[in-house]
Protein backbone atom coordinates (compact mmCIF):
# COMPACT_ATOMS: atom_id res chain seq x y z
CA UNK A 1 -34.16 -28.86 -45.08
CA UNK A 2 -35.68 -26.33 -42.19
CA UNK A 3 -34.11 -22.95 -42.15
CA UNK A 4 -31.52 -22.77 -39.26
CA UNK A 5 -32.27 -21.16 -36.19
CA UNK A 6 -30.57 -19.31 -33.47
CA UNK A 7 -30.23 -21.48 -30.30
CA UNK A 8 -33.39 -21.16 -28.08
CA UNK A 9 -32.42 -18.38 -25.52
CA UNK A 10 -29.80 -16.50 -27.82
CA UNK A 11 -30.37 -13.79 -30.41
CA UNK A 12 -28.31 -12.28 -33.24
CA UNK A 13 -27.24 -8.59 -32.57
CA UNK A 14 -28.24 -7.36 -36.01
CA UNK A 15 -27.20 -3.40 -36.38
CA UNK A 16 -30.50 -2.06 -34.66
CA UNK A 17 -29.98 -3.85 -31.66
CA UNK A 18 -25.83 -3.92 -31.82
CA UNK A 19 -26.37 0.10 -31.85
CA UNK A 20 -28.47 -0.19 -28.64
CA UNK A 21 -26.06 -2.12 -26.90
CA UNK A 22 -23.10 0.26 -28.02
CA UNK A 23 -24.84 3.13 -26.68
CA UNK A 24 -24.66 1.35 -23.12
CA UNK A 25 -21.45 0.01 -23.24
CA UNK A 26 -19.95 3.09 -24.56
CA UNK A 27 -22.02 5.47 -22.09
CA UNK A 28 -20.92 3.10 -19.16
CA UNK A 29 -17.12 3.13 -20.36
CA UNK A 30 -16.94 6.92 -20.58
CA UNK A 31 -18.21 7.51 -17.09
CA UNK A 32 -16.17 4.39 -15.38
CA UNK A 33 -13.11 6.11 -16.87
CA UNK A 34 -14.11 9.52 -15.02
CA UNK A 35 -14.00 7.44 -11.58
CA UNK A 36 -10.50 5.94 -12.62
CA UNK A 37 -11.79 2.25 -13.47
CA UNK A 38 -9.58 0.86 -16.20
CA UNK A 39 -11.16 -1.58 -18.96
CA UNK A 40 -10.47 -5.27 -18.51
CA UNK A 41 -11.88 -8.45 -20.21
CA UNK A 42 -11.78 -12.16 -18.51
CA UNK A 43 -11.93 -15.46 -21.17
CA UNK A 44 -15.32 -16.42 -21.47
CA UNK A 45 -14.58 -19.69 -20.32
CA UNK A 46 -12.44 -20.55 -17.06
CA UNK A 47 -11.75 -23.62 -15.24
CA UNK A 48 -15.28 -24.67 -13.42
CA UNK A 49 -13.46 -24.37 -9.98
CA UNK A 50 -13.26 -20.77 -10.43
CA UNK A 51 -17.11 -20.50 -10.41
CA UNK A 52 -18.45 -23.32 -8.54
CA UNK A 53 -16.97 -22.43 -5.02
CA UNK A 54 -17.26 -18.58 -5.41
CA UNK A 55 -20.78 -18.75 -6.41
CA UNK A 56 -21.97 -21.65 -3.69
CA UNK A 57 -22.35 -25.08 -4.67
CA UNK A 58 -25.80 -25.17 -3.38
CA UNK A 59 -27.21 -22.03 -5.40
CA UNK A 60 -29.17 -22.60 -8.41
CA UNK A 61 -26.76 -21.33 -10.65
CA UNK A 62 -23.95 -23.91 -10.11
CA UNK A 63 -26.67 -26.98 -9.76
CA UNK A 64 -28.79 -25.81 -12.70
CA UNK A 65 -27.70 -23.25 -14.77
CA UNK A 66 -23.83 -23.13 -15.66
CA UNK A 67 -22.60 -24.57 -19.37
CA UNK A 68 -20.23 -26.81 -18.13
CA UNK A 69 -18.07 -29.55 -20.53
CA UNK A 70 -14.78 -31.47 -20.48
CA UNK A 71 -12.37 -30.00 -23.25
CA UNK A 72 -10.35 -32.48 -24.96
CA UNK A 73 -7.75 -32.35 -22.47
CA UNK A 74 -9.77 -33.51 -19.98
CA UNK A 75 -10.31 -30.37 -17.92
CA UNK A 76 -13.64 -29.51 -17.15
CA UNK A 77 -14.52 -26.10 -18.31
CA UNK A 78 -17.43 -23.53 -17.66
CA UNK A 79 -18.75 -20.86 -19.95
CA UNK A 80 -18.59 -17.87 -17.70
CA UNK A 81 -22.19 -17.40 -15.81
CA UNK A 82 -21.06 -13.98 -14.12
CA UNK A 83 -17.63 -12.17 -14.21
CA UNK A 84 -16.88 -11.20 -10.67
CA UNK A 85 -15.05 -14.23 -9.98
CA UNK A 86 -13.23 -14.44 -13.14
CA UNK A 87 -11.88 -10.76 -12.23
CA UNK A 88 -10.65 -11.91 -9.10
CA UNK A 89 -9.17 -14.84 -10.44
CA UNK A 90 -7.25 -12.53 -12.96
CA UNK A 91 -6.11 -10.30 -9.83
CA UNK A 92 -4.95 -13.31 -8.31
CA UNK A 93 -3.27 -15.08 -11.11
CA UNK A 94 -1.67 -11.71 -12.65
CA UNK A 95 -0.25 -11.09 -9.45
CA UNK A 96 -2.20 -7.78 -8.62
CA UNK A 97 -3.02 -8.35 -5.23
CA UNK A 98 -0.46 -5.90 -3.82
CA UNK A 99 -1.34 -3.14 -6.01
CA UNK A 100 -4.76 -2.28 -4.64
CA UNK A 101 -6.94 -0.47 -4.87
CA UNK A 102 -7.72 -1.90 -8.38
CA UNK A 103 -10.77 -0.58 -10.19
CA UNK A 104 -11.59 -2.36 -13.21
CA UNK A 105 -14.87 -1.86 -15.86
CA UNK A 106 -15.56 -4.98 -17.72
CA UNK A 107 -18.46 -5.70 -20.48
CA UNK A 108 -19.48 -9.25 -22.42
CA UNK A 109 -21.08 -12.07 -22.70
CA UNK A 110 -22.46 -14.34 -19.89
CA UNK A 111 -24.25 -17.98 -20.13
CA UNK A 112 -26.74 -19.66 -17.88
CA UNK A 113 -28.92 -22.37 -18.91
CA UNK A 114 -32.48 -21.10 -17.51
CA UNK A 115 -35.65 -20.35 -18.91
CA UNK A 116 -35.48 -17.94 -21.58
CA UNK A 117 -38.23 -14.87 -21.17
CA UNK A 118 -38.55 -11.05 -21.71
CA UNK A 119 -35.27 -9.54 -20.69
CA UNK A 120 -33.54 -12.74 -19.94
CA UNK A 121 -31.61 -15.16 -22.12
CA UNK A 122 -29.07 -17.71 -22.08
CA UNK A 123 -26.38 -15.84 -23.85
CA UNK A 124 -26.80 -12.62 -22.16
CA UNK A 125 -24.46 -9.38 -21.95
CA UNK A 126 -23.37 -7.39 -18.74
CA UNK A 127 -21.21 -4.08 -18.25
CA UNK A 128 -19.96 -4.44 -14.65
CA UNK A 129 -17.64 -2.69 -12.38
CA UNK A 130 -15.22 -4.27 -9.30
CA UNK A 131 -13.53 -2.52 -6.61
CA UNK A 132 -11.04 -4.37 -4.81
CA UNK A 133 -8.88 -3.45 -1.87
CA UNK A 134 -10.95 -0.73 -0.37
CA UNK A 135 -12.74 -1.71 2.97
CA UNK A 136 -14.21 1.54 3.87
CA UNK A 137 -18.04 2.26 3.08
CA UNK A 138 -16.43 5.11 0.91
CA UNK A 139 -16.38 2.31 -1.70
CA UNK A 140 -19.84 1.13 -1.65
CA UNK A 141 -20.96 4.81 -2.02
CA UNK A 142 -18.66 5.26 -4.92
CA UNK A 143 -19.93 2.29 -6.72
CA UNK A 144 -23.38 3.07 -6.29
CA UNK A 145 -23.28 6.76 -7.36
CA UNK A 146 -21.21 5.31 -10.47
CA UNK A 147 -24.30 3.08 -11.42
CA UNK A 148 -26.38 5.80 -10.67
CA UNK A 149 -24.67 8.30 -13.14
CA UNK A 150 -24.92 5.88 -15.75
CA UNK A 151 -28.32 5.16 -15.52
CA UNK A 152 -29.00 8.88 -15.71
CA UNK A 153 -26.97 9.10 -18.59
CA UNK A 154 -28.79 6.39 -20.46
CA UNK A 155 -32.05 8.82 -19.58
CA UNK A 156 -33.18 6.40 -16.92
CA UNK A 157 -33.54 9.59 -14.18
CA UNK A 158 -36.67 8.57 -12.12
CA UNK A 159 -37.45 5.25 -14.09
CA UNK A 160 -35.12 3.17 -11.74
CA UNK A 161 -35.39 2.79 -7.95
CA UNK A 162 -32.45 1.90 -5.80
CA UNK A 163 -32.90 -1.07 -3.40
CA UNK A 164 -30.92 -1.17 -0.23
CA UNK A 165 -29.89 -3.90 2.55
CA UNK A 166 -26.90 -5.25 4.38
CA UNK A 167 -25.98 -8.57 4.78
CA UNK A 168 -23.69 -7.61 7.73
CA UNK A 169 -20.17 -8.90 8.84
CA UNK A 170 -19.31 -12.61 8.96
CA UNK A 171 -20.27 -13.09 12.56
CA UNK A 172 -23.70 -11.02 11.95
CA UNK A 173 -24.52 -13.68 8.78
CA UNK A 174 -23.61 -16.60 11.26
CA UNK A 175 -26.31 -15.68 13.95
CA UNK A 176 -28.84 -14.85 11.10
CA UNK A 177 -28.26 -18.11 9.34
CA UNK A 178 -28.71 -19.84 12.75
CA UNK A 179 -32.23 -17.84 13.24
CA UNK A 180 -33.06 -18.70 9.78
CA UNK A 181 -32.38 -22.67 10.34
CA UNK A 182 -34.51 -22.94 13.25
CA UNK A 183 -37.21 -20.92 11.53
CA UNK A 184 -37.17 -22.86 8.18
CA UNK A 185 -36.63 -26.29 9.93
CA UNK A 186 -40.13 -25.91 11.85
CA UNK A 187 -41.62 -25.54 8.68
CA UNK A 188 -39.60 -27.78 6.51
CA UNK A 189 -43.02 -29.97 4.80
CA UNK A 190 -43.75 -26.48 3.54
CA UNK A 191 -40.69 -25.74 1.81
CA UNK A 192 -39.85 -26.46 -1.80
CA UNK A 193 -37.79 -29.32 -2.61
CA UNK A 194 -34.88 -27.02 -3.99
CA UNK A 195 -35.12 -24.65 -0.62
CA UNK A 196 -35.08 -28.23 1.56
CA UNK A 197 -31.68 -28.59 0.18
CA UNK A 198 -30.88 -25.15 0.35
CA UNK A 199 -31.45 -25.39 4.40
CA UNK A 200 -28.83 -27.52 4.75
CA UNK A 201 -25.98 -25.63 2.63
CA UNK A 202 -27.20 -22.08 2.59
CA UNK A 203 -30.48 -21.02 4.02
CA UNK A 204 -30.07 -17.46 2.97
CA UNK A 205 -30.57 -18.99 -0.26
CA UNK A 206 -34.52 -19.72 0.32
CA UNK A 207 -34.93 -15.80 0.66
CA UNK A 208 -34.11 -15.71 -3.20
CA UNK A 209 -36.18 -18.30 -3.92
CA UNK A 210 -38.78 -17.39 -6.71
CA UNK A 211 -41.24 -20.79 -5.29
CA UNK A 212 -44.39 -19.16 -4.43
CA UNK A 213 -45.06 -21.39 -1.49
CA UNK A 214 -41.44 -20.15 -0.33
CA UNK A 215 -41.92 -16.47 -0.82
CA UNK A 216 -45.03 -16.75 1.91
CA UNK A 217 -42.83 -18.60 4.18
CA UNK A 218 -39.87 -16.09 3.50
CA UNK A 219 -42.38 -12.94 4.06
CA UNK A 220 -42.51 -14.43 7.97
CA UNK A 221 -39.05 -14.93 8.32
CA UNK A 222 -36.79 -13.40 10.52
CA UNK A 223 -35.38 -10.28 9.61
CA UNK A 224 -31.69 -9.64 9.20
CA UNK A 225 -31.62 -6.28 10.91
CA UNK A 226 -32.48 -7.89 14.13
CA UNK A 227 -28.98 -9.98 13.89
CA UNK A 228 -26.51 -7.22 13.12
CA UNK A 229 -23.67 -6.41 15.13
CA UNK A 230 -22.70 -2.91 16.08
CA UNK A 231 -19.74 -2.50 13.40
CA UNK A 232 -22.13 -3.63 11.18
CA UNK A 233 -25.08 -1.34 11.41
CA UNK A 234 -22.42 1.71 11.98
CA UNK A 235 -21.32 0.36 8.41
CA UNK A 236 -24.37 0.11 6.85
CA UNK A 237 -25.43 3.56 8.14
CA UNK A 238 -22.31 5.44 6.54
CA UNK A 239 -23.50 4.15 3.50
CA UNK A 240 -27.10 5.38 3.66
CA UNK A 241 -25.57 8.64 5.02
CA UNK A 242 -23.19 8.75 2.09
CA UNK A 243 -25.90 8.35 -0.61
CA UNK A 244 -27.90 10.81 1.19
CA UNK A 245 -24.54 13.33 1.15
CA UNK A 246 -24.91 12.50 -2.76
CA UNK A 247 -28.38 12.92 -3.01
CA UNK A 248 -29.07 9.15 -4.01
CA UNK A 249 -32.54 8.14 -3.19
CA UNK A 250 -33.05 4.68 -2.06
CA UNK A 251 -35.71 2.04 -0.54
CA UNK A 252 -34.62 -0.29 2.28
CA UNK A 253 -35.54 -3.55 1.77
CA UNK A 254 -35.15 -6.01 4.33
CA UNK A 255 -35.70 -8.86 2.05
CA UNK A 256 -33.02 -8.45 -0.46
CA UNK A 257 -30.49 -10.62 -0.63
CA UNK A 258 -28.10 -11.11 -3.61
CA UNK A 259 -27.67 -14.14 -5.77
CA UNK A 260 -24.28 -15.39 -4.99
CA UNK A 261 -22.95 -16.95 -2.07
CA UNK A 262 -19.80 -14.35 -1.51
CA UNK A 263 -21.58 -11.12 -0.60
CA UNK A 264 -21.08 -9.61 2.81
CA UNK A 265 -22.35 -6.10 4.06
CA UNK A 266 -24.21 -3.50 1.24
CA UNK A 267 -26.56 -5.27 -1.37
CA UNK A 268 -28.24 -3.52 -3.67
CA UNK A 269 -30.54 -3.44 -6.48
CA UNK A 270 -31.58 -0.64 -8.96
CA UNK A 271 -35.25 -1.97 -10.56
CA UNK A 272 -37.39 -0.76 -12.68
CA UNK A 273 -40.88 -0.85 -13.22
CA UNK A 274 -41.09 -1.33 -17.12
CA UNK A 275 -40.04 -4.60 -17.31
CA UNK A 276 -42.37 -6.99 -15.61
CA UNK A 277 -41.27 -9.44 -13.03
CA UNK A 278 -37.88 -9.45 -14.85
CA UNK A 279 -37.10 -5.98 -13.12
CA UNK A 280 -33.37 -5.55 -11.94
CA UNK A 281 -31.30 -3.60 -14.10
CA UNK A 282 -28.41 -3.10 -11.66
CA UNK A 283 -27.64 -5.21 -9.11
CA UNK A 284 -24.24 -5.72 -6.75
CA UNK A 285 -22.79 -5.18 -2.86
CA UNK A 286 -19.99 -6.09 -1.15
CA UNK A 287 -17.51 -9.35 -1.32
CA UNK A 288 -15.09 -9.04 1.69
CA UNK A 289 -14.56 -12.86 1.68
CA UNK A 290 -14.03 -13.61 -1.95
CA UNK A 291 -10.39 -13.13 -2.96
CA UNK A 292 -9.36 -15.21 0.05
CA UNK A 293 -11.83 -18.11 -0.72
CA UNK A 294 -10.09 -17.89 -4.09
CA UNK A 295 -6.76 -18.68 -2.95
CA UNK A 296 -5.66 -15.12 -2.38
CA UNK A 297 -4.92 -12.59 0.47
CA UNK A 298 -7.45 -11.30 2.55
CA UNK A 299 -8.85 -8.28 0.17
CA UNK A 300 -12.18 -6.37 0.36
CA UNK A 301 -14.06 -6.01 -2.83
CA UNK A 302 -17.48 -4.45 -3.98
CA UNK A 303 -19.23 -4.20 -7.32
CA UNK A 304 -22.00 -4.52 -9.67
CA UNK A 305 -23.21 -6.02 -12.81
CA UNK A 306 -25.95 -4.80 -14.47
CA UNK A 307 -28.02 -6.59 -18.13
CA UNK A 308 -27.09 -5.24 -21.31
CA UNK A 309 -30.37 -6.18 -22.68
CA UNK A 310 -32.51 -4.85 -20.10
CA UNK A 311 -30.81 -1.61 -20.59
CA UNK A 312 -31.04 -1.58 -24.15
CA UNK A 313 -34.59 -2.29 -24.15
CA UNK A 314 -35.46 0.80 -22.06
CA UNK A 315 -32.86 3.27 -23.85
CA UNK A 316 -34.24 6.21 -25.88
CA UNK A 317 -33.45 5.23 -29.67
CA UNK A 318 -29.79 6.06 -30.29
CA UNK A 319 -28.82 8.32 -33.04
CA UNK A 320 -28.31 6.80 -36.51
CA UNK A 321 -24.92 6.28 -37.47
CA UNK A 322 -23.48 8.99 -39.95
CA UNK A 323 -24.98 9.18 -43.22
CA UNK A 324 -22.33 7.49 -45.69
CA UNK A 325 -21.27 9.01 -49.25
CA UNK A 326 -21.69 7.07 -52.03
CA UNK A 327 -19.38 6.63 -54.83
CA UNK A 328 -21.15 5.75 -58.26
CA UNK A 329 -18.28 4.83 -60.67
CA UNK A 330 -19.80 4.03 -64.43
CA UNK A 331 -17.62 2.43 -67.13
CA UNK A 332 -14.65 0.14 -66.11
CA UNK A 333 -12.34 3.14 -66.18
CA UNK A 334 -14.26 4.78 -63.77
CA UNK A 335 -14.16 1.46 -61.42
CA UNK A 336 -10.13 2.18 -60.83
CA UNK A 337 -10.72 5.82 -59.83
CA UNK A 338 -13.46 5.09 -57.69
CA UNK A 339 -11.38 3.25 -55.40
CA UNK A 340 -8.92 5.62 -55.09
CA UNK A 341 -11.35 8.25 -54.72
CA UNK A 342 -13.17 6.11 -51.57
CA UNK A 343 -10.10 5.76 -49.66
CA UNK A 344 -8.96 9.06 -50.04
CA UNK A 345 -12.48 10.50 -48.29
CA UNK A 346 -12.11 7.50 -45.59
CA UNK A 347 -8.74 9.00 -44.80
CA UNK A 348 -10.45 12.37 -44.00
CA UNK A 349 -13.17 10.81 -41.99
CA UNK A 350 -16.13 10.26 -44.67
CA UNK A 351 -18.25 7.58 -44.32
CA UNK A 352 -18.20 6.27 -47.84
CA UNK A 353 -20.10 2.89 -49.58
CA UNK A 354 -18.69 1.83 -53.06
CA UNK A 355 -21.17 -0.31 -54.81
CA UNK A 356 -19.69 -3.81 -55.89
CA UNK A 357 -21.29 -3.87 -59.31
CA UNK A 358 -24.56 -2.65 -61.59
CA UNK A 359 -25.03 0.11 -63.63
CA UNK A 360 -25.98 3.82 -62.51
CA UNK A 361 -29.54 3.12 -61.61
CA UNK A 362 -28.78 0.24 -59.53
CA UNK A 363 -26.13 1.66 -57.55
CA UNK A 364 -28.39 5.10 -57.14
CA UNK A 365 -31.24 2.83 -55.95
CA UNK A 366 -28.52 1.19 -53.42
CA UNK A 367 -27.36 4.82 -52.47
CA UNK A 368 -30.87 5.62 -51.36
CA UNK A 369 -31.52 2.46 -49.32
CA UNK A 370 -28.56 3.17 -47.35
CA UNK A 371 -29.87 6.76 -46.99
CA UNK A 372 -26.45 8.35 -48.53
CA UNK A 373 -26.35 12.02 -48.25
CA UNK A 374 -24.96 12.51 -51.35
CA UNK A 375 -23.14 10.52 -54.34
CA UNK A 376 -20.43 11.26 -56.18
CA UNK A 377 -20.75 10.09 -59.98
CA UNK A 378 -18.02 9.23 -62.23
CA UNK A 379 -18.33 8.46 -66.03
CA UNK A 380 -16.15 8.18 -68.66
CA UNK A 381 -17.29 12.12 -69.42
CA UNK A 382 -16.64 13.47 -65.80
CA UNK A 383 -13.04 11.55 -65.97
CA UNK A 384 -11.71 13.45 -69.48
CA UNK A 385 -12.83 16.74 -68.19
CA UNK A 386 -10.82 15.98 -65.04
CA UNK A 387 -14.40 16.30 -62.59
CA UNK A 388 -17.04 14.39 -61.02
CA UNK A 389 -20.68 15.05 -60.54
CA UNK A 390 -21.59 15.81 -56.89
CA UNK A 391 -25.45 15.21 -56.28
CA UNK A 392 -27.25 16.24 -53.37
CA UNK A 393 -29.58 12.98 -52.46
CA UNK A 394 -31.94 15.31 -50.58
CA UNK A 395 -32.41 17.85 -52.54
CA UNK A 396 -31.48 16.34 -55.96
CA UNK A 397 -29.22 19.38 -57.00
CA UNK A 398 -25.97 18.14 -58.85
CA UNK A 399 -22.72 20.14 -59.96
CA UNK A 400 -19.48 19.27 -61.08
CA UNK A 401 -16.17 19.51 -58.83
CA UNK A 402 -12.86 18.92 -59.64
CA UNK A 403 -10.95 15.56 -59.37
CA UNK A 404 -7.62 17.17 -58.09
CA UNK A 405 -5.18 15.10 -56.17
CA UNK A 406 -6.27 16.08 -52.44
CA UNK A 407 -10.13 16.45 -53.23
CA UNK A 408 -10.05 19.56 -51.67
CA UNK A 409 -13.07 21.03 -53.16
CA UNK A 410 -15.32 17.81 -53.15
CA UNK A 411 -14.22 17.30 -49.73
CA UNK A 412 -15.32 20.78 -48.37
CA UNK A 413 -18.78 20.37 -50.41
CA UNK A 414 -19.66 17.24 -48.62
CA UNK A 415 -18.72 18.10 -45.30
CA UNK A 416 -20.95 21.73 -46.02
CA UNK A 417 -23.95 19.01 -46.74
CA UNK A 418 -23.20 16.63 -43.56
CA UNK A 419 -23.51 19.48 -41.54
């Protein structure tokens, strides 16, 4: 039988990879708390309608990429392809709409059936924040500033570029939609099959097409900025002004459109040149109509999500976990004492490895493989004297320490070795 392999597009987070993921999540969580964002989590799967309508029936995500199935109760269920819609659903179903502003941080796996490539998986992981109930540009500025601060904390300062655009308010978006329909309709025969369908449902999606022919047509398409009303221009100007005041550099990208239908006004991406075609490491924008679209009251929102896999591949090697103390019993009587000593040391914050079997040589070999800092050897003779042997595994020096009830001297000497 062939060896079992992970499903295509998935990966095991073995300890080294998990350590990198944790570094990203921990840094983001700590900084999100500084900005007042409380951590939350939504279910990994939801009723399909939670995602289908908000994301957009004409999007590739809904049409081609969602993992959707019918469960045993006959309900249509989808593994979450993104988390904003799930957060909004939680706000509505949890009765939180009257407690605005609401500020949330999340992390966890998402699922999309797409072609696996570098930095892109079918099960991937994201960190993200959502700010609900703030209509002013201050909300956009804050979430971008938080994203920028997290990237800096991960050592990516100067290695990513913030790209910025505005999608305008609904009135501006409708005017621009009409202009795009007119432009692309005249070139209908040159569009890809997918973009022909998008033209009927949401022509803005064509600007996000990866087809090379569509890209060439989009390069000559009308610009959104030419169709913005005064309110939309003023909103975007205030966002740009606020970022400038904070010293956050950005580049205007009039072709930047986010991949989901619920965005309005500010759209942004932090892009790295170190990841090839999959260069976006953090992206988001404003989604003022989403809560209402999902059955809640009119409630503005803005947020972003960032790919943990992509960020983890860019960061420096995280510091290793604390080096453990190896407890090495020799003989049956010593095994019982080793259990007690191990738990007592853990009670005081020491990382302890207690091998499960083997002679002294085998256990010491395991201690070296684990990069243990020291070994506490418990033999029959030492137990008779009420002592243990403390061996410094870096220098090889060893000495005896009393096996007193509180292990005070042993703990002090171990702490000195670990400093």
